[in-house]
């Protein structure tokens, strides 16, 4: 595939864009999700037995934590207790391994994500002792060095971005408060980290036209994983002063999911209209560029579909739901054959949540309940 376009023609999607959104389509997505989940559990949990243990990578983004996240999502969608028990078994093993690895403060690639996932799974299983153990582990991780101390430099340690850094810790807190109740992780824990991210962003932006800027390994990014869009997406879920909000208003990055969050946050003033228009236009760009040649949440078909689920939740316009379904139907009906033919990429880590196949069942489940759809590790409310 070297040298080939990263995209297929939009015509491949158009054949599905007018499909009927009925109960039969929802049942089909659920069936596809369950079948793929069985394969993922087999490959990532049942088969990997041996002296090295089942879990080598404990994290949600690339490792066994992603399987646990998927099972939690399936449990909450279908109330199937067997999945929750397996989820908790996986998290327990992930927590053991994560405690021996380099500390990162994020949900997707850090110990806090494993511990937050464990606390939420235990909560839904009614296991309060286990829930409290994971919560204590999470709060201990929140005391890692410099997490709430501004470096006032572009390259801070830990970083401020979503994938590895402070914004990822804040997402973990949102995840816990959403499932366990507001205030479980209090503002006394989160607001100093919010202030640290803002202080570093202002320091890094000095001398530029941006009010806030962040770097990752010496490079400035605008996108979700390492850049301004991901950081702003998270900060917009927390109490911000008028000054903090104005920094966002004048430095918005053109990423559709973040723009949808901004449109909700500012829905009662003129800025909300601007962000809504920008989010809609960003969605048009995603649609017109067609299908990516990867299938996952990261730079893939499943991830792009969530743009239209977010727009549908924001606007109620059925066009966006039709487009999300088009991505889902292409994935379920054609993508596997294209992967076999070498025309699509199954993922660098085939069974992982973000870089492989495990993000696809999340999409299928959210297509059956679009009003509650949430991009894993990004949308929290």
Protein backbone atom coordinates (compact mmCIF):
# COMPACT_ATOMS: atom_id res chain seq x y z
CA UNK A 1 0.00 0.00 0.00
CA UNK A 2 3.06 2.29 -0.02
CA UNK A 3 2.40 5.39 -2.05
CA UNK A 4 -1.34 4.73 -2.33
CA UNK A 5 -4.00 7.19 -1.22
CA UNK A 6 -4.96 7.02 2.43
CA UNK A 7 -8.63 7.30 1.36
CA UNK A 8 -11.19 5.44 -0.70
CA UNK A 9 -13.66 7.36 -2.83
CA UNK A 10 -16.75 8.68 -1.10
CA UNK A 11 -18.80 6.70 -3.63
CA UNK A 12 -18.19 3.60 -1.53
CA UNK A 13 -20.06 5.30 1.31
CA UNK A 14 -22.82 6.82 -0.79
CA UNK A 15 -24.32 3.40 -1.53
CA UNK A 16 -25.14 3.10 2.19
CA UNK A 17 -26.03 6.72 2.91
CA UNK A 18 -29.75 6.30 2.19
CA UNK A 19 -30.18 2.95 3.95
CA UNK A 20 -33.18 2.57 6.23
CA UNK A 21 -32.46 3.23 9.90
CA UNK A 22 -34.71 0.57 11.39
CA UNK A 23 -34.68 -2.12 14.07
CA UNK A 24 -33.29 -4.66 11.62
CA UNK A 25 -30.22 -2.48 11.08
CA UNK A 26 -29.78 -2.13 14.84
CA UNK A 27 -30.03 -5.89 15.34
CA UNK A 28 -27.45 -6.42 12.60
CA UNK A 29 -24.98 -4.06 14.28
CA UNK A 30 -25.51 -5.80 17.63
CA UNK A 31 -24.92 -9.19 16.01
CA UNK A 32 -21.71 -7.98 14.36
CA UNK A 33 -20.53 -6.45 17.63
CA UNK A 34 -21.07 -9.64 19.63
CA UNK A 35 -19.34 -11.82 17.02
CA UNK A 36 -16.29 -9.57 16.89
CA UNK A 37 -16.15 -9.29 20.67
CA UNK A 38 -15.98 -13.09 20.95
CA UNK A 39 -12.92 -13.07 18.66
CA UNK A 40 -11.29 -10.25 20.59
CA UNK A 41 -11.77 -11.97 23.96
CA UNK A 42 -10.36 -15.18 22.53
CA UNK A 43 -7.29 -13.48 21.07
CA UNK A 44 -6.52 -11.15 23.97
CA UNK A 45 -7.63 -13.09 27.04
CA UNK A 46 -8.52 -16.76 26.57
CA UNK A 47 -5.62 -17.80 24.32
CA UNK A 48 -2.69 -15.85 25.86
CA UNK A 49 -1.81 -18.25 28.68
CA UNK A 50 1.74 -19.01 29.73
CA UNK A 51 4.66 -18.13 31.94
CA UNK A 52 4.67 -14.49 30.82
CA UNK A 53 1.05 -14.06 31.90
CA UNK A 54 -1.94 -12.99 29.89
CA UNK A 55 -1.28 -9.26 30.05
CA UNK A 56 1.81 -7.64 28.59
CA UNK A 57 0.32 -4.28 27.67
CA UNK A 58 -2.21 -3.24 30.34
CA UNK A 59 -3.36 0.01 28.79
CA UNK A 60 -6.72 0.95 27.28
CA UNK A 61 -5.32 2.35 24.02
CA UNK A 62 -3.23 -0.56 22.78
CA UNK A 63 -3.52 -3.38 25.28
CA UNK A 64 -5.72 -5.60 27.42
CA UNK A 65 -7.28 -2.60 29.13
CA UNK A 66 -9.02 -1.91 25.84
CA UNK A 67 -10.66 -5.33 25.95
CA UNK A 68 -11.88 -4.60 29.46
CA UNK A 69 -13.25 -1.24 28.33
CA UNK A 70 -15.08 -2.92 25.46
CA UNK A 71 -16.64 -5.49 27.81
CA UNK A 72 -17.78 -2.75 30.16
CA UNK A 73 -19.43 -0.97 27.25
CA UNK A 74 -21.14 -4.19 26.17
CA UNK A 75 -22.37 -4.78 29.72
CA UNK A 76 -23.85 -1.30 29.99
CA UNK A 77 -25.48 -1.67 26.57
CA UNK A 78 -26.86 -5.19 27.04
CA UNK A 79 -26.76 -5.72 30.84
CA UNK A 80 -24.90 -9.03 30.45
CA UNK A 81 -23.25 -9.93 33.80
CA UNK A 82 -20.85 -12.51 32.36
CA UNK A 83 -19.07 -9.80 30.43
CA UNK A 84 -18.67 -7.73 33.59
CA UNK A 85 -17.03 -10.58 35.47
CA UNK A 86 -14.54 -11.09 32.65
CA UNK A 87 -13.98 -7.35 32.50
CA UNK A 88 -13.03 -7.28 36.18
CA UNK A 89 -10.71 -10.28 35.81
CA UNK A 90 -8.87 -8.49 32.99
CA UNK A 91 -8.64 -5.21 34.91
CA UNK A 92 -7.22 -7.00 37.94
CA UNK A 93 -4.39 -8.44 35.83
CA UNK A 94 -3.88 -5.11 34.06
CA UNK A 95 -3.56 -3.31 37.40
CA UNK A 96 -0.81 -5.70 38.51
CA UNK A 97 1.19 -5.09 35.35
CA UNK A 98 0.54 -1.34 35.18
CA UNK A 99 1.93 -0.84 38.66
CA UNK A 100 5.32 -2.10 37.45
CA UNK A 101 5.50 0.10 34.35
CA UNK A 102 6.52 3.69 33.74
CA UNK A 103 4.04 6.12 35.21
CA UNK A 104 1.84 8.11 32.85
CA UNK A 105 -1.13 10.07 34.23
CA UNK A 106 -3.58 9.45 31.38
CA UNK A 107 -6.61 7.25 30.87
CA UNK A 108 -5.61 5.73 27.56
CA UNK A 109 -1.92 4.99 28.22
CA UNK A 110 -1.48 5.24 31.97
CA UNK A 111 -2.21 3.68 35.33
CA UNK A 112 -5.09 6.08 36.14
CA UNK A 113 -7.05 4.67 33.21
CA UNK A 114 -6.68 1.12 34.45
CA UNK A 115 -7.68 2.09 37.99
CA UNK A 116 -10.62 4.23 36.85
CA UNK A 117 -11.86 1.40 34.64
CA UNK A 118 -11.59 -1.00 37.58
CA UNK A 119 -13.54 1.30 39.88
CA UNK A 120 -16.36 1.75 37.35
CA UNK A 121 -16.57 -1.97 36.59
CA UNK A 122 -16.66 -2.77 40.31
CA UNK A 123 -19.36 -0.15 40.84
CA UNK A 124 -21.61 -1.69 38.21
CA UNK A 125 -20.91 -5.16 39.62
CA UNK A 126 -21.95 -3.97 43.08
CA UNK A 127 -18.50 -4.75 44.53
CA UNK A 128 -17.93 -1.72 46.74
CA UNK A 129 -14.75 -2.98 48.39
CA UNK A 130 -13.05 -3.44 45.03
CA UNK A 131 -14.41 -0.07 43.87
CA UNK A 132 -12.84 1.67 46.86
CA UNK A 133 -9.51 -0.07 46.32
CA UNK A 134 -9.33 1.13 42.73
CA UNK A 135 -10.40 4.64 43.75
CA UNK A 136 -7.57 4.80 46.30
CA UNK A 137 -5.12 3.63 43.64
CA UNK A 138 -6.44 6.29 41.26
CA UNK A 139 -6.06 9.07 43.81
CA UNK A 140 -2.55 7.88 44.66
CA UNK A 141 -1.70 8.10 40.96
CA UNK A 142 -2.99 11.68 41.09
CA UNK A 143 -0.12 12.54 43.43
CA UNK A 144 2.58 11.66 40.93
CA UNK A 145 5.34 14.30 40.74
CA UNK A 146 4.57 17.59 38.97
CA UNK A 147 1.04 16.62 37.90
CA UNK A 148 -0.36 19.86 39.36
CA UNK A 149 2.83 21.94 39.05
CA UNK A 150 3.22 24.15 35.96
CA UNK A 151 6.53 23.90 34.16
CA UNK A 152 5.80 27.12 32.20
CA UNK A 153 7.55 25.49 29.26
CA UNK A 154 6.32 23.87 26.06
CA UNK A 155 7.81 20.46 26.83
CA UNK A 156 6.57 19.75 30.34
CA UNK A 157 6.92 16.51 32.27
CA UNK A 158 4.33 15.08 32.44
CA UNK A 159 2.97 16.48 29.16
CA UNK A 160 -0.35 18.28 28.98
CA UNK A 161 -1.91 16.32 26.11
CA UNK A 162 -4.63 13.71 26.13
CA UNK A 163 -2.85 10.50 25.16
CA UNK A 164 -0.13 10.43 27.81
CA UNK A 165 -0.59 13.54 29.89
CA UNK A 166 -2.55 15.74 32.25
CA UNK A 167 -5.61 16.09 30.01
CA UNK A 168 -5.82 12.30 30.05
CA UNK A 169 -5.90 12.31 33.85
CA UNK A 170 -8.75 14.80 33.79
CA UNK A 171 -10.65 12.56 31.39
CA UNK A 172 -10.23 9.70 33.88
CA UNK A 173 -11.78 11.92 36.55
CA UNK A 174 -14.70 12.77 34.25
CA UNK A 175 -15.19 9.08 33.55
CA UNK A 176 -15.36 8.30 37.26
CA UNK A 177 -17.69 11.18 38.08
CA UNK A 178 -19.99 10.28 35.19
CA UNK A 179 -20.43 6.68 36.36
CA UNK A 180 -20.00 6.90 40.14
CA UNK A 181 -21.51 10.31 40.80
CA UNK A 182 -20.36 13.91 40.58
CA UNK A 183 -17.85 14.75 43.26
CA UNK A 184 -16.33 11.27 43.56
CA UNK A 185 -13.21 12.95 42.24
CA UNK A 186 -13.58 16.44 43.73
CA UNK A 187 -12.58 19.78 42.25
CA UNK A 188 -9.81 19.99 44.84
CA UNK A 189 -8.10 17.23 42.81
CA UNK A 190 -8.96 18.37 39.29
CA UNK A 191 -8.87 22.18 39.35
CA UNK A 192 -5.15 22.50 40.18
CA UNK A 193 -4.46 20.30 37.14
CA UNK A 194 -6.77 22.45 34.99
CA UNK A 195 -4.87 25.54 36.15
CA UNK A 196 -1.54 23.86 35.42
CA UNK A 197 -2.59 22.99 31.84
CA UNK A 198 -3.77 26.54 31.22
CA UNK A 199 -0.59 28.08 32.67
CA UNK A 200 1.64 25.85 30.54
CA UNK A 201 -0.49 26.56 27.46
CA UNK A 202 -0.17 30.32 27.88
CA UNK A 203 3.59 30.06 28.46
CA UNK A 204 4.07 27.90 25.36
CA UNK A 205 1.96 30.29 23.24
CA UNK A 206 4.04 33.39 23.99
CA UNK A 207 5.16 35.12 20.83
CA UNK A 208 2.52 33.45 18.65
CA UNK A 209 -1.01 34.37 17.58
CA UNK A 210 -2.35 31.54 19.74
CA UNK A 211 -3.54 32.22 23.28
CA UNK A 212 -2.82 28.56 24.19
CA UNK A 213 -0.40 26.10 22.63
CA UNK A 214 1.14 22.74 23.53
CA UNK A 215 4.06 20.69 22.27
CA UNK A 216 4.73 16.99 22.14
CA UNK A 217 8.33 15.87 21.65
CA UNK A 218 9.27 19.34 20.41
CA UNK A 219 6.45 19.64 17.86
CA UNK A 220 3.27 21.66 18.04
CA UNK A 221 0.06 19.75 17.34
CA UNK A 222 -3.48 20.96 16.73
CA UNK A 223 -5.30 17.63 16.85
CA UNK A 224 -6.94 15.42 19.45
CA UNK A 225 -4.29 13.02 20.75
CA UNK A 226 -1.34 15.35 21.35
CA UNK A 227 -2.60 18.82 20.51
CA UNK A 228 -4.73 21.81 21.32
CA UNK A 229 -8.04 20.26 20.22
CA UNK A 230 -7.79 17.34 22.63
CA UNK A 231 -6.72 19.55 25.53
CA UNK A 232 -9.53 22.05 24.89
CA UNK A 233 -12.08 19.28 24.54
CA UNK A 234 -11.28 18.11 28.06
CA UNK A 235 -11.00 21.56 29.66
CA UNK A 236 -14.45 22.54 28.38
CA UNK A 237 -15.93 19.98 30.79
CA UNK A 238 -14.52 21.81 33.82
CA UNK A 239 -15.31 25.15 35.50
CA UNK A 240 -13.46 27.90 33.64
CA UNK A 241 -13.23 31.65 34.22
CA UNK A 242 -14.29 34.17 31.59
CA UNK A 243 -10.62 34.73 30.78
CA UNK A 244 -10.04 31.00 30.30
CA UNK A 245 -13.08 30.74 28.04
CA UNK A 246 -11.94 33.67 25.93
CA UNK A 247 -8.62 31.87 25.31
CA UNK A 248 -10.62 29.06 23.78
CA UNK A 249 -12.86 31.33 21.73
CA UNK A 250 -9.94 32.84 19.83
CA UNK A 251 -7.88 29.70 19.34
CA UNK A 252 -10.23 26.92 18.33
CA UNK A 253 -8.71 24.06 16.34
CA UNK A 254 -10.76 22.62 13.47
CA UNK A 255 -11.52 19.19 14.86
CA UNK A 256 -15.16 18.17 14.59
CA UNK A 257 -15.58 16.32 17.90
CA UNK A 258 -14.04 19.18 19.86
CA UNK A 259 -16.07 21.73 17.96
CA UNK A 260 -19.24 19.82 18.89
CA UNK A 261 -18.23 20.05 22.55
CA UNK A 262 -17.58 23.78 22.17
CA UNK A 263 -20.97 24.26 20.49
CA UNK A 264 -22.67 22.59 23.47
CA UNK A 265 -20.67 24.62 26.00
CA UNK A 266 -21.49 27.93 24.29
CA UNK A 267 -24.96 27.00 23.07
CA UNK A 268 -26.57 30.05 24.69
CA UNK A 269 -24.48 32.74 22.99
CA UNK A 270 -23.21 33.73 19.56
CA UNK A 271 -20.03 31.68 19.90
CA UNK A 272 -22.16 28.54 20.00
CA UNK A 273 -23.48 29.30 16.51
CA UNK A 274 -19.95 29.80 15.22
CA UNK A 275 -18.77 26.49 16.68
CA UNK A 276 -21.84 24.66 15.37
CA UNK A 277 -21.18 25.95 11.87
CA UNK A 278 -17.51 25.01 12.12
CA UNK A 279 -18.38 21.51 13.41
CA UNK A 280 -20.81 21.00 10.54
CA UNK A 281 -18.23 22.12 7.99
CA UNK A 282 -15.61 19.84 9.55
CA UNK A 283 -18.06 16.96 9.20
CA UNK A 284 -18.47 17.77 5.51
CA UNK A 285 -14.71 17.55 5.07
CA UNK A 286 -14.66 14.11 6.71
CA UNK A 287 -17.48 12.93 4.47
CA UNK A 288 -16.07 14.32 1.23
CA UNK A 289 -12.64 12.83 1.84
CA UNK A 290 -14.23 9.40 1.98
CA UNK A 291 -13.03 6.29 3.77
CA UNK A 292 -9.65 5.92 5.40
CA UNK A 293 -7.76 2.71 4.69
CA UNK A 294 -7.58 1.78 8.36
CA UNK A 295 -10.55 0.43 10.30
CA UNK A 296 -9.88 1.53 13.88
CA UNK A 297 -10.73 4.44 16.12
CA UNK A 298 -7.30 5.98 15.51
CA UNK A 299 -7.16 7.37 11.94
CA UNK A 300 -9.75 4.88 10.74
CA UNK A 301 -13.30 4.12 9.64
CA UNK A 302 -14.66 3.65 13.16
CA UNK A 303 -13.18 6.92 14.38
CA UNK A 304 -14.61 8.92 11.48
CA UNK A 305 -18.07 7.50 12.08
CA UNK A 306 -18.08 9.07 15.54
CA UNK A 307 -17.87 12.53 13.96
CA UNK A 308 -21.36 12.01 12.58
CA UNK A 309 -22.71 10.47 15.77
CA UNK A 310 -21.50 13.59 17.60
CA UNK A 311 -23.12 15.87 15.02
CA UNK A 312 -26.36 13.90 15.24
CA UNK A 313 -26.42 14.21 19.03
CA UNK A 314 -25.77 17.93 18.72
CA UNK A 315 -28.25 18.77 15.95
CA UNK A 316 -30.77 15.93 15.72
CA UNK A 317 -30.34 16.03 11.93
CA UNK A 318 -30.97 12.54 10.55
CA UNK A 319 -28.46 13.18 7.75
CA UNK A 320 -25.62 12.78 10.23
CA UNK A 321 -27.02 9.53 11.59
CA UNK A 322 -27.38 8.22 8.03
CA UNK A 323 -23.71 9.00 7.45
CA UNK A 324 -22.63 7.31 10.67
CA UNK A 325 -24.62 4.23 9.61
CA UNK A 326 -22.95 4.34 6.20
CA UNK A 327 -19.53 4.04 7.84
CA UNK A 328 -20.82 1.24 10.06
CA UNK A 329 -22.37 -0.73 7.22
CA UNK A 330 -19.27 -0.37 5.06
CA UNK A 331 -17.20 -1.66 7.98
CA UNK A 332 -19.48 -4.65 8.59
CA UNK A 333 -20.16 -5.61 4.98
CA UNK A 334 -17.01 -4.81 3.01
CA UNK A 335 -13.99 -3.98 5.15
CA UNK A 336 -13.00 -7.53 6.13
CA UNK A 337 -12.73 -8.59 2.48
CA UNK A 338 -10.66 -5.50 1.71
CA UNK A 339 -8.34 -6.29 4.62
CA UNK A 340 -7.90 -9.82 3.30
CA UNK A 341 -7.11 -8.41 -0.14
CA UNK A 342 -4.53 -6.04 1.32
CA UNK A 343 -6.48 -2.94 0.33
CA UNK A 344 -7.23 -1.96 3.94
CA UNK A 345 -5.13 -2.14 7.09
CA UNK A 346 -6.37 -4.21 10.03
CA UNK A 347 -4.29 -2.24 12.51
CA UNK A 348 -0.76 -2.08 13.89
CA UNK A 349 -2.00 -3.90 16.98
CA UNK A 350 -4.74 -6.01 15.48
CA UNK A 351 -6.90 -6.61 18.55
CA UNK A 352 -6.42 -3.30 20.34
CA UNK A 353 -9.12 -0.74 21.05
CA UNK A 354 -7.66 2.18 19.11
CA UNK A 355 -5.17 0.76 16.63
CA UNK A 356 -7.00 -2.45 15.77
CA UNK A 357 -10.39 -4.14 15.63
CA UNK A 358 -11.70 -3.68 19.18
CA UNK A 359 -12.96 -0.16 18.52
CA UNK A 360 -15.39 -1.45 15.91
CA UNK A 361 -17.79 -3.17 18.36
CA UNK A 362 -17.91 0.10 20.31
CA UNK A 363 -19.10 1.81 17.16
CA UNK A 364 -21.66 -0.91 16.39
CA UNK A 365 -23.11 -0.65 19.90
CA UNK A 366 -23.30 3.14 19.70
CA UNK A 367 -25.05 2.95 16.34
CA UNK A 368 -27.85 1.04 18.08
CA UNK A 369 -28.21 3.82 20.68
CA UNK A 370 -26.92 6.98 18.99
CA UNK A 371 -28.28 9.46 21.51
CA UNK A 372 -25.88 8.01 24.08
CA UNK A 373 -22.93 7.42 21.75
CA UNK A 374 -19.51 8.28 23.20
CA UNK A 375 -16.14 8.13 21.50
CA UNK A 376 -14.07 5.88 23.81
CA UNK A 377 -11.57 7.79 25.88
CA UNK A 378 -12.69 11.15 24.45
CA UNK A 379 -16.40 11.77 25.09
CA UNK A 380 -17.38 11.44 28.73
CA UNK A 381 -20.81 13.00 29.05
